[in-house]
Amino acid sequence: MNIERKENFVDENCLDVLLKQIQVSSFPWYICSIDTNYDKFKQFCHIFYINKKINSDYIKLIEPILNNIKYKNLHRVKLNLIPKTNKIVEHPFHTDSESDKLTTSLFYLNTNNGYTKFKNKKIIKSKRNRLVTFASNMLHHGTSCTNEEFRLTLNIVYE
């Protein structure tokens, strides 16, 4: 599978509603490792869906995004927030799954100077309302950003 990119993936009003809801102090963010093999890299996350079941009462917030993706079964849906750093920090390469049957779609919620880099050296810049789709077993990594408060991405793994 190649890396596919789609711009203006959802209606801007839907995206605005989502952003307003996740940027309030009552939205539940949790500290988690960016990669389980490298515990020093942390981010905030919110897991909407895992282990074949809904994990969050906030799942309705992302329905406009999920409705635009053709999938049979969801495996994991996770919102990631990586805070701003003084310089761009590249995180370790990883896969979202070892399975060659799964696909990952990465949805960028805000524009910033962070990016996703693939082992084949392809770089996708973080741009609001962009969706990037690739095989879940493809090596890639994300970064922090330096020009916004945080980098926000929605990671969707499915078949």
N, C-alpha and C. Protein backbone atom coordinates (compact mmCIF):
# COMPACT_ATOMS: atom_id res chain seq x y z
N MET A 1 0.84 -1.19 0.00
CA MET A 1 0.00 0.00 0.00
C MET A 1 0.88 1.25 0.00
N ASN A 2 0.53 2.18 -0.81
CA ASN A 2 1.24 3.46 -0.85
C ASN A 2 0.70 4.40 0.22
N ILE A 3 1.37 5.50 0.38
CA ILE A 3 0.91 6.55 1.29
C ILE A 3 -0.06 7.43 0.50
N GLU A 4 -1.30 7.53 0.98
CA GLU A 4 -2.31 8.34 0.32
C GLU A 4 -2.61 9.57 1.17
N ARG A 5 -2.81 10.68 0.51
CA ARG A 5 -3.10 11.93 1.21
C ARG A 5 -4.38 12.54 0.67
N LYS A 6 -5.25 13.01 1.59
CA LYS A 6 -6.47 13.70 1.21
C LYS A 6 -6.55 15.01 1.98
N GLU A 7 -6.80 16.08 1.26
CA GLU A 7 -6.92 17.40 1.88
C GLU A 7 -8.39 17.72 2.13
N ASN A 8 -8.66 18.61 3.07
CA ASN A 8 -10.03 19.02 3.40
C ASN A 8 -10.95 17.83 3.59
N PHE A 9 -10.53 16.94 4.49
CA PHE A 9 -11.18 15.64 4.64
C PHE A 9 -12.59 15.73 5.22
N VAL A 10 -12.81 16.64 6.15
CA VAL A 10 -14.15 16.81 6.74
C VAL A 10 -14.57 18.27 6.66
N ASP A 11 -15.84 18.50 6.87
CA ASP A 11 -16.38 19.85 6.89
C ASP A 11 -15.68 20.66 7.99
N GLU A 12 -15.28 21.87 7.67
CA GLU A 12 -14.55 22.73 8.62
C GLU A 12 -15.36 23.00 9.88
N ASN A 13 -16.67 23.13 9.76
CA ASN A 13 -17.50 23.36 10.95
C ASN A 13 -17.44 22.18 11.91
N CYS A 14 -17.45 20.96 11.38
CA CYS A 14 -17.33 19.76 12.22
C CYS A 14 -15.98 19.74 12.94
N LEU A 15 -14.95 20.12 12.21
CA LEU A 15 -13.61 20.16 12.80
C LEU A 15 -13.54 21.22 13.90
N ASP A 16 -14.15 22.38 13.68
CA ASP A 16 -14.18 23.43 14.71
C ASP A 16 -14.87 22.95 15.99
N VAL A 17 -15.99 22.26 15.83
CA VAL A 17 -16.72 21.72 16.99
C VAL A 17 -15.84 20.73 17.75
N LEU A 18 -15.20 19.85 17.04
CA LEU A 18 -14.31 18.88 17.67
C LEU A 18 -13.19 19.58 18.44
N LEU A 19 -12.55 20.54 17.80
CA LEU A 19 -11.44 21.25 18.45
C LEU A 19 -11.90 21.99 19.70
N LYS A 20 -13.06 22.60 19.66
CA LYS A 20 -13.57 23.31 20.84
C LYS A 20 -13.82 22.34 21.99
N GLN A 21 -14.33 21.16 21.67
CA GLN A 21 -14.66 20.19 22.71
C GLN A 21 -13.42 19.57 23.37
N ILE A 22 -12.37 19.36 22.60
CA ILE A 22 -11.19 18.71 23.18
C ILE A 22 -10.21 19.69 23.82
N GLN A 23 -10.47 20.99 23.65
CA GLN A 23 -9.58 21.98 24.24
C GLN A 23 -10.15 22.64 25.49
N VAL A 24 -11.14 22.02 26.10
CA VAL A 24 -11.66 22.52 27.36
C VAL A 24 -11.00 21.74 28.50
N SER A 25 -10.96 22.35 29.67
CA SER A 25 -10.26 21.73 30.80
C SER A 25 -10.91 20.43 31.28
N SER A 26 -12.17 20.23 30.94
CA SER A 26 -12.86 19.01 31.40
C SER A 26 -12.65 17.81 30.47
N PHE A 27 -12.02 18.01 29.30
CA PHE A 27 -11.80 16.87 28.40
C PHE A 27 -10.73 15.97 29.01
N PRO A 28 -10.99 14.66 29.08
CA PRO A 28 -10.05 13.75 29.74
C PRO A 28 -8.85 13.35 28.86
N TRP A 29 -7.72 13.92 29.17
CA TRP A 29 -6.45 13.56 28.53
C TRP A 29 -5.65 12.68 29.49
N TYR A 30 -4.92 11.73 28.94
CA TYR A 30 -4.12 10.81 29.75
C TYR A 30 -2.68 10.80 29.24
N ILE A 31 -1.75 10.66 30.15
CA ILE A 31 -0.34 10.59 29.76
C ILE A 31 -0.04 9.18 29.30
N CYS A 32 0.54 9.07 28.11
CA CYS A 32 0.93 7.75 27.62
C CYS A 32 2.24 7.86 26.84
N SER A 33 2.89 6.74 26.70
CA SER A 33 4.14 6.69 25.94
C SER A 33 3.84 6.80 24.46
N ILE A 34 4.70 7.48 23.77
CA ILE A 34 4.57 7.57 22.31
C ILE A 34 4.89 6.22 21.69
N ASP A 35 5.87 5.55 22.24
CA ASP A 35 6.26 4.22 21.78
C ASP A 35 6.58 3.41 23.02
N THR A 36 5.98 2.26 23.16
CA THR A 36 6.18 1.44 24.36
C THR A 36 7.62 1.00 24.54
N ASN A 37 8.42 1.01 23.48
CA ASN A 37 9.83 0.63 23.60
C ASN A 37 10.70 1.78 24.10
N TYR A 38 10.18 2.99 24.06
CA TYR A 38 10.94 4.17 24.47
C TYR A 38 10.09 4.98 25.43
N ASP A 39 10.16 4.63 26.70
CA ASP A 39 9.28 5.22 27.69
C ASP A 39 9.53 6.71 27.94
N LYS A 40 10.68 7.22 27.50
CA LYS A 40 10.98 8.63 27.80
C LYS A 40 10.17 9.60 26.94
N PHE A 41 9.60 9.14 25.84
CA PHE A 41 8.79 10.00 24.98
C PHE A 41 7.33 9.91 25.41
N LYS A 42 6.79 11.01 25.93
CA LYS A 42 5.41 11.03 26.43
C LYS A 42 4.54 11.97 25.60
N GLN A 43 3.26 11.69 25.62
CA GLN A 43 2.27 12.54 24.98
C GLN A 43 0.99 12.42 25.78
N PHE A 44 0.05 13.28 25.50
CA PHE A 44 -1.28 13.14 26.06
C PHE A 44 -2.12 12.42 25.01
N CYS A 45 -2.98 11.53 25.48
CA CYS A 45 -3.83 10.83 24.52
C CYS A 45 -5.22 10.61 25.10
N HIS A 46 -6.13 10.33 24.19
CA HIS A 46 -7.49 9.98 24.55
C HIS A 46 -7.87 8.83 23.63
N ILE A 47 -8.15 7.67 24.20
CA ILE A 47 -8.46 6.49 23.41
C ILE A 47 -9.98 6.38 23.27
N PHE A 48 -10.44 6.55 22.03
CA PHE A 48 -11.87 6.46 21.75
C PHE A 48 -12.34 5.01 21.58
N TYR A 49 -11.46 4.19 21.01
CA TYR A 49 -11.86 2.83 20.66
C TYR A 49 -10.66 1.91 20.77
N ILE A 50 -10.84 0.77 21.46
CA ILE A 50 -9.75 -0.22 21.60
C ILE A 50 -10.36 -1.56 21.98
N ASN A 51 -9.66 -2.63 21.63
CA ASN A 51 -10.10 -3.99 21.97
C ASN A 51 -11.54 -4.28 21.51
N LYS A 52 -11.84 -3.83 20.31
CA LYS A 52 -13.14 -4.08 19.67
C LYS A 52 -14.32 -3.47 20.41
N LYS A 53 -14.06 -2.39 21.16
CA LYS A 53 -15.18 -1.73 21.82
C LYS A 53 -14.90 -0.24 22.01
N ILE A 54 -15.99 0.50 22.15
CA ILE A 54 -15.90 1.93 22.42
C ILE A 54 -15.34 2.12 23.82
N ASN A 55 -14.39 3.03 23.93
CA ASN A 55 -13.69 3.28 25.18
C ASN A 55 -13.97 4.68 25.73
N SER A 56 -14.78 5.47 25.02
CA SER A 56 -14.97 6.86 25.40
C SER A 56 -16.39 7.33 25.09
N ASP A 57 -16.94 8.08 26.02
CA ASP A 57 -18.25 8.69 25.79
C ASP A 57 -18.17 9.81 24.75
N TYR A 58 -16.96 10.21 24.38
CA TYR A 58 -16.75 11.30 23.43
C TYR A 58 -16.65 10.81 21.98
N ILE A 59 -16.94 9.56 21.73
CA ILE A 59 -16.79 8.97 20.39
C ILE A 59 -17.60 9.74 19.34
N LYS A 60 -18.72 10.30 19.73
CA LYS A 60 -19.56 11.04 18.76
C LYS A 60 -18.83 12.24 18.17
N LEU A 61 -17.86 12.80 18.90
CA LEU A 61 -17.10 13.94 18.39
C LEU A 61 -16.36 13.62 17.09
N ILE A 62 -15.94 12.37 16.96
CA ILE A 62 -15.12 12.02 15.79
C ILE A 62 -15.91 11.27 14.71
N GLU A 63 -17.21 11.12 14.90
CA GLU A 63 -18.03 10.43 13.90
C GLU A 63 -17.91 11.02 12.50
N PRO A 64 -17.87 12.36 12.33
CA PRO A 64 -17.73 12.88 10.96
C PRO A 64 -16.44 12.39 10.27
N ILE A 65 -15.40 12.19 11.04
CA ILE A 65 -14.14 11.69 10.48
C ILE A 65 -14.28 10.21 10.15
N LEU A 66 -14.77 9.44 11.13
CA LEU A 66 -14.92 7.99 10.91
C LEU A 66 -15.88 7.69 9.77
N ASN A 67 -16.92 8.49 9.62
CA ASN A 67 -17.91 8.26 8.56
C ASN A 67 -17.32 8.45 7.16
N ASN A 68 -16.22 9.17 7.07
CA ASN A 68 -15.58 9.39 5.77
C ASN A 68 -14.51 8.36 5.44
N ILE A 69 -14.30 7.42 6.34
CA ILE A 69 -13.30 6.37 6.12
C ILE A 69 -14.03 5.07 5.85
N LYS A 70 -13.60 4.37 4.82
CA LYS A 70 -14.21 3.07 4.51
C LYS A 70 -13.46 2.00 5.29
N TYR A 71 -14.14 1.42 6.28
CA TYR A 71 -13.53 0.37 7.09
C TYR A 71 -14.55 -0.72 7.38
N LYS A 72 -14.03 -1.94 7.63
CA LYS A 72 -14.88 -3.05 8.05
C LYS A 72 -14.98 -3.07 9.57
N ASN A 73 -13.80 -3.03 10.21
CA ASN A 73 -13.72 -3.09 11.66
C ASN A 73 -12.67 -2.13 12.17
N LEU A 74 -13.01 -1.40 13.21
CA LEU A 74 -12.02 -0.56 13.87
C LEU A 74 -11.19 -1.42 14.81
N HIS A 75 -9.92 -1.06 14.96
CA HIS A 75 -9.05 -1.74 15.92
C HIS A 75 -8.63 -0.80 17.04
N ARG A 76 -8.30 0.44 16.67
CA ARG A 76 -7.95 1.45 17.68
C ARG A 76 -8.17 2.83 17.10
N VAL A 77 -8.70 3.73 17.92
CA VAL A 77 -8.84 5.13 17.53
C VAL A 77 -8.34 5.95 18.71
N LYS A 78 -7.28 6.73 18.46
CA LYS A 78 -6.60 7.43 19.56
C LYS A 78 -6.25 8.84 19.14
N LEU A 79 -6.60 9.79 19.99
CA LEU A 79 -6.27 11.18 19.79
C LEU A 79 -4.96 11.46 20.52
N ASN A 80 -4.00 12.07 19.82
CA ASN A 80 -2.69 12.36 20.39
C ASN A 80 -2.45 13.86 20.46
N LEU A 81 -1.93 14.31 21.58
CA LEU A 81 -1.55 15.71 21.77
C LEU A 81 -0.09 15.71 22.23
N ILE A 82 0.77 16.28 21.39
CA ILE A 82 2.19 16.40 21.73
C ILE A 82 2.48 17.88 21.96
N PRO A 83 2.88 18.26 23.19
CA PRO A 83 3.13 19.66 23.49
C PRO A 83 4.31 20.25 22.70
N LYS A 84 4.28 21.54 22.55
CA LYS A 84 5.34 22.31 21.90
C LYS A 84 6.68 22.07 22.61
N THR A 85 7.75 22.02 21.83
CA THR A 85 9.10 21.92 22.37
C THR A 85 9.95 23.05 21.79
N ASN A 86 11.11 23.30 22.37
CA ASN A 86 11.99 24.37 21.90
C ASN A 86 12.59 24.07 20.53
N LYS A 87 12.81 22.79 20.26
CA LYS A 87 13.26 22.37 18.93
C LYS A 87 12.47 21.12 18.56
N ILE A 88 12.35 20.86 17.27
CA ILE A 88 11.61 19.68 16.81
C ILE A 88 12.28 18.43 17.37
N VAL A 89 11.47 17.59 18.01
CA VAL A 89 11.95 16.31 18.53
C VAL A 89 11.35 15.21 17.67
N GLU A 90 12.22 14.43 17.04
CA GLU A 90 11.76 13.27 16.26
C GLU A 90 11.65 12.08 17.20
N HIS A 91 10.53 11.42 17.19
CA HIS A 91 10.31 10.25 18.02
C HIS A 91 10.81 9.00 17.29
N PRO A 92 10.97 7.88 17.98
CA PRO A 92 11.49 6.66 17.33
C PRO A 92 10.53 6.12 16.28
N PHE A 93 11.11 5.46 15.27
CA PHE A 93 10.29 4.77 14.28
C PHE A 93 9.52 3.65 14.95
N HIS A 94 8.30 3.42 14.50
CA HIS A 94 7.46 2.36 15.02
C HIS A 94 6.43 1.97 13.96
N THR A 95 5.70 0.91 14.23
CA THR A 95 4.54 0.53 13.41
C THR A 95 3.31 0.62 14.31
N ASP A 96 2.16 0.82 13.72
CA ASP A 96 0.93 0.83 14.50
C ASP A 96 0.41 -0.58 14.71
N SER A 97 0.87 -1.51 13.87
CA SER A 97 0.51 -2.92 13.99
C SER A 97 1.51 -3.72 13.16
N GLU A 98 1.72 -4.96 13.55
CA GLU A 98 2.58 -5.85 12.76
C GLU A 98 1.79 -6.51 11.63
N SER A 99 0.48 -6.45 11.70
CA SER A 99 -0.38 -7.12 10.73
C SER A 99 -0.33 -6.42 9.37
N ASP A 100 -0.27 -7.22 8.31
CA ASP A 100 -0.32 -6.66 6.96
C ASP A 100 -1.77 -6.51 6.47
N LYS A 101 -2.73 -6.81 7.34
CA LYS A 101 -4.14 -6.68 6.98
C LYS A 101 -4.76 -5.37 7.50
N LEU A 102 -4.01 -4.62 8.30
CA LEU A 102 -4.55 -3.41 8.90
C LEU A 102 -4.04 -2.16 8.20
N THR A 103 -4.85 -1.12 8.29
CA THR A 103 -4.54 0.17 7.68
C THR A 103 -4.58 1.23 8.78
N THR A 104 -3.73 2.23 8.64
CA THR A 104 -3.74 3.38 9.54
C THR A 104 -4.13 4.62 8.76
N SER A 105 -5.02 5.41 9.32
CA SER A 105 -5.29 6.75 8.81
C SER A 105 -4.91 7.73 9.92
N LEU A 106 -4.12 8.70 9.56
CA LEU A 106 -3.68 9.73 10.49
C LEU A 106 -4.32 11.04 10.07
N PHE A 107 -5.14 11.59 10.96
CA PHE A 107 -5.86 12.83 10.67
C PHE A 107 -5.22 13.95 11.47
N TYR A 108 -4.82 15.01 10.77
CA TYR A 108 -4.17 16.16 11.42
C TYR A 108 -5.22 17.20 11.77
N LEU A 109 -5.30 17.54 13.06
CA LEU A 109 -6.30 18.49 13.52
C LEU A 109 -5.82 19.93 13.50
N ASN A 110 -4.51 20.13 13.50
CA ASN A 110 -4.02 21.50 13.44
C ASN A 110 -2.77 21.58 12.57
N THR A 111 -2.54 22.76 12.02
CA THR A 111 -1.37 23.01 11.19
C THR A 111 -0.24 23.48 12.10
N ASN A 112 0.92 22.89 11.92
CA ASN A 112 2.11 23.26 12.69
C ASN A 112 3.34 22.76 11.94
N ASN A 113 4.52 23.03 12.47
CA ASN A 113 5.74 22.61 11.76
C ASN A 113 6.21 21.21 12.14
N GLY A 114 5.38 20.46 12.84
CA GLY A 114 5.66 19.04 13.08
C GLY A 114 5.34 18.24 11.83
N TYR A 115 5.69 16.97 11.85
CA TYR A 115 5.48 16.14 10.66
C TYR A 115 5.48 14.66 11.03
N THR A 116 5.08 13.86 10.06
CA THR A 116 5.19 12.41 10.14
C THR A 116 6.23 12.01 9.10
N LYS A 117 7.18 11.20 9.53
CA LYS A 117 8.25 10.77 8.63
C LYS A 117 8.18 9.25 8.50
N PHE A 118 8.31 8.78 7.28
CA PHE A 118 8.28 7.35 7.00
C PHE A 118 9.71 6.86 6.77
N LYS A 119 9.92 5.58 7.00
CA LYS A 119 11.25 4.99 6.86
C LYS A 119 11.81 5.20 5.46
N ASN A 120 10.93 5.30 4.45
CA ASN A 120 11.38 5.53 3.08
C ASN A 120 11.72 7.00 2.83
N LYS A 121 11.81 7.78 3.91
CA LYS A 121 12.20 9.20 3.91
C LYS A 121 11.08 10.16 3.51
N LYS A 122 9.91 9.64 3.16
CA LYS A 122 8.78 10.52 2.82
C LYS A 122 8.33 11.26 4.08
N ILE A 123 8.13 12.57 3.95
CA ILE A 123 7.69 13.41 5.06
C ILE A 123 6.34 14.02 4.73
N ILE A 124 5.40 13.90 5.67
CA ILE A 124 4.08 14.52 5.53
C ILE A 124 3.98 15.60 6.61
N LYS A 125 3.80 16.83 6.19
CA LYS A 125 3.69 17.94 7.13
C LYS A 125 2.33 17.94 7.80
N SER A 126 2.31 18.41 9.04
CA SER A 126 1.05 18.52 9.79
C SER A 126 0.25 19.69 9.26
N LYS A 127 -0.87 19.37 8.63
CA LYS A 127 -1.74 20.40 8.08
C LYS A 127 -3.18 20.10 8.48
N ARG A 128 -3.83 21.09 9.03
CA ARG A 128 -5.21 20.94 9.48
C ARG A 128 -6.08 20.32 8.39
N ASN A 129 -6.90 19.33 8.80
CA ASN A 129 -7.90 18.70 7.94
C ASN A 129 -7.28 17.84 6.84
N ARG A 130 -6.08 17.36 7.05
CA ARG A 130 -5.41 16.44 6.12
C ARG A 130 -5.51 15.04 6.68
N LEU A 131 -5.79 14.07 5.82
CA LEU A 131 -5.80 12.66 6.20
C LEU A 131 -4.73 11.94 5.40
N VAL A 132 -3.91 11.18 6.09
CA VAL A 132 -2.87 10.37 5.44
C VAL A 132 -3.15 8.92 5.79
N THR A 133 -3.16 8.06 4.78
CA THR A 133 -3.49 6.65 4.97
C THR A 133 -2.34 5.79 4.46
N PHE A 134 -2.01 4.75 5.25
CA PHE A 134 -0.89 3.87 4.91
C PHE A 134 -1.06 2.52 5.62
N ALA A 135 -0.29 1.54 5.23
CA ALA A 135 -0.33 0.22 5.87
C ALA A 135 0.16 0.36 7.31
N SER A 136 -0.57 -0.25 8.24
CA SER A 136 -0.25 -0.12 9.66
C SER A 136 1.11 -0.70 10.03
N ASN A 137 1.63 -1.60 9.20
CA ASN A 137 2.94 -2.18 9.49
C ASN A 137 4.09 -1.39 8.85
N MET A 138 3.80 -0.21 8.33
CA MET A 138 4.81 0.65 7.72
C MET A 138 5.51 1.46 8.83
N LEU A 139 6.85 1.42 8.84
CA LEU A 139 7.61 2.17 9.83
C LEU A 139 7.46 3.67 9.61
N HIS A 140 7.18 4.38 10.71
CA HIS A 140 7.00 5.83 10.64
C HIS A 140 7.23 6.40 12.04
N HIS A 141 7.33 7.71 12.11
CA HIS A 141 7.36 8.37 13.42
C HIS A 141 6.82 9.78 13.29
N GLY A 142 6.38 10.32 14.41
CA GLY A 142 5.93 11.69 14.47
C GLY A 142 6.97 12.55 15.14
N THR A 143 6.61 13.81 15.32
CA THR A 143 7.51 14.76 15.95
C THR A 143 6.71 15.69 16.86
N SER A 144 7.43 16.50 17.58
CA SER A 144 6.81 17.62 18.27
C SER A 144 6.73 18.77 17.28
N CYS A 145 6.30 19.94 17.73
CA CYS A 145 6.30 21.15 16.92
C CYS A 145 6.89 22.29 17.75
N THR A 146 7.26 23.37 17.09
CA THR A 146 7.83 24.52 17.81
C THR A 146 7.02 25.80 17.60
N ASN A 147 6.08 25.79 16.69
CA ASN A 147 5.39 27.04 16.34
C ASN A 147 3.93 27.11 16.77
N GLU A 148 3.43 26.09 17.46
CA GLU A 148 2.08 26.09 18.02
C GLU A 148 2.16 25.51 19.43
N GLU A 149 1.08 25.65 20.20
CA GLU A 149 1.08 25.12 21.57
C GLU A 149 1.24 23.61 21.62
N PHE A 150 0.70 22.94 20.60
CA PHE A 150 0.75 21.48 20.56
C PHE A 150 0.47 20.99 19.14
N ARG A 151 0.77 19.72 18.92
CA ARG A 151 0.47 19.03 17.68
C ARG A 151 -0.64 18.02 17.99
N LEU A 152 -1.73 18.07 17.22
CA LEU A 152 -2.88 17.21 17.45
C LEU A 152 -3.10 16.29 16.25
N THR A 153 -3.15 14.98 16.52
CA THR A 153 -3.43 14.01 15.47
C THR A 153 -4.40 12.96 15.98
N LEU A 154 -5.20 12.45 15.08
CA LEU A 154 -6.11 11.35 15.39
C LEU A 154 -5.58 10.13 14.63
N ASN A 155 -5.25 9.07 15.36
CA ASN A 155 -4.69 7.87 14.79
C ASN A 155 -5.78 6.79 14.76
N ILE A 156 -6.11 6.32 13.55
CA ILE A 156 -7.20 5.35 13.36
C ILE A 156 -6.61 4.10 12.71
N VAL A 157 -6.74 2.96 13.39
CA VAL A 157 -6.24 1.69 12.87
C VAL A 157 -7.46 0.81 12.62
N TYR A 158 -7.53 0.23 11.41
CA TYR A 158 -8.73 -0.49 11.02
C TYR A 158 -8.43 -1.50 9.92
N GLU A 159 -9.44 -2.33 9.66
CA GLU A 159 -9.37 -3.23 8.50
C GLU A 159 -10.57 -2.96 7.61
